[in-house]
Amino acid sequence: MTMRTALLVCCGWAAATPALAGVHDILIGLDAKVAIGPNGQIAGPPGNDAVLVMDVSNPAKPRIRASLPLMNSLIGPPTNLQITPDGKLGLVANSVVTTQNGTAWKISMDTKLFVIDLNASPPKLADTVTVGTQPSGIAISHDGSLALIANRAGKSVSVVSIRNGTVKALGDVPLEQEAAAVAIAPDGRRAFVCLNLVNKIAVLTIDGQKVTYDKSLDIPAAINPYNIDITPDGKYVIASNTGAGQTNSDAEVVIDATGPHPHVIDIASPGNGPEGFAISPNGHWAVAPLLLGSGAKEGDWFKTRNGELAVMSIGPEGRLTVTGKAPLGALPEGVAFSPDSQYVYVGNYIDKTLQVFRLNNGKPVQAGPAIALPGQPASMRGPAR
């Protein structure tokens, strides 16, 4: 028994792995390199990051069934990982690494995509694929045959095929702008990409494994679109915008995704700092962990100790209405739903905890105390739908 396996067993995390266990899993990326000090982010040495495979088959009582020593990063949106719809594979993009620079550490861009075999017992790294520069947000198609990866420094989207358990990079689609996150429509014919620095959403056309970009279809969004998701019926894309960085212009932008010219139809503001964002599998709810001022420097006027969870209903014509809020820990980033849409999981980066909420008519009710994690949760996703 390895030291890692022994740790999982003694902590009560190990569990038998049923067939296609991944459909009941969420992935959590832990970053041990970046700390948050009084003056903001501090880069440190690599070597202690991990990706957790968490079993949520009992949604109120999630259990860690594996911990893989894989690099992961806070720098980039919290959507750099996802599980294939059949639950067989987990894909994890690593956006940056740290390298020593004298007595300090500096950030360098990475190009790695890790492929995790979730049906192995325990789950294991199956492959490492080279993709674009600083890969950040990932989206896997509804049929599980294609993945797209938004590359921030690469100013592109990597196209990745998934076939019979083999993951292969096919090339990059140039966008000319930094790309933070991506969502694929359920019918697999379009994708939507956050061009965060120019405040636009790019529209990609997908034909099998051929992906093209028409700049004329760019959709103006609010300031700094940083995260994005799409309703299961394919009608609405919602882009989460983090504003100007000091509690200004934070908004959720609703886009009509149908027709030849997708366009904005509504704007709503759940609160400040919605870096994390997710739509429920049933399409009824959207959630955003709000950073508020929990990631700010100590001297900033908007500094807060903790964040807050905002739950929104997705109503007729895609309109968002805040239905409830709940306190979160410090620097909440990743968020995911249980497969039945009844539970929400949020990772608090600074506190190294996972909070579990049950939705009661759109109001989040915490299900037990926060769960201690063996590291800082920077990202979180479940299976693609």
Foldseek 3Di string as FASTA:
>chain_A
DDPQVVVLVVVVQADDQDPLQQQQWKKFKFAPQWDQDLAFIFGHADFAIWIWIWGCPVVLDIGTRDIGRDAADLPAAQAQKAAANSSQKIKGDHFWHWDDDPPGIDIDGAFWIWIWGVRDRNIDTDDIAGWFTRWHHKEAALVRQWMWTFHFVRQWIWIWGADPNDIYTPHTAHRVAGWGYKYAARVRQWMWTFRFQVQWIWIWGDDPRDIYTDPVLIEHHWHGQHYWYAANVRQWIWTFHQPPPQFPGTWIWIWGRDDPRIYTDDIDHQGHAQSEKDAANNRFKIKGWHQQQLRPRNPRPRHDQWTKMWMWTQDPPRDTDTDEMDTGGGQWGAKEARNVRQKIWIFHFNQQWIWIFGADPRYTDTSDDTHHHPRGGSHMYGHHD
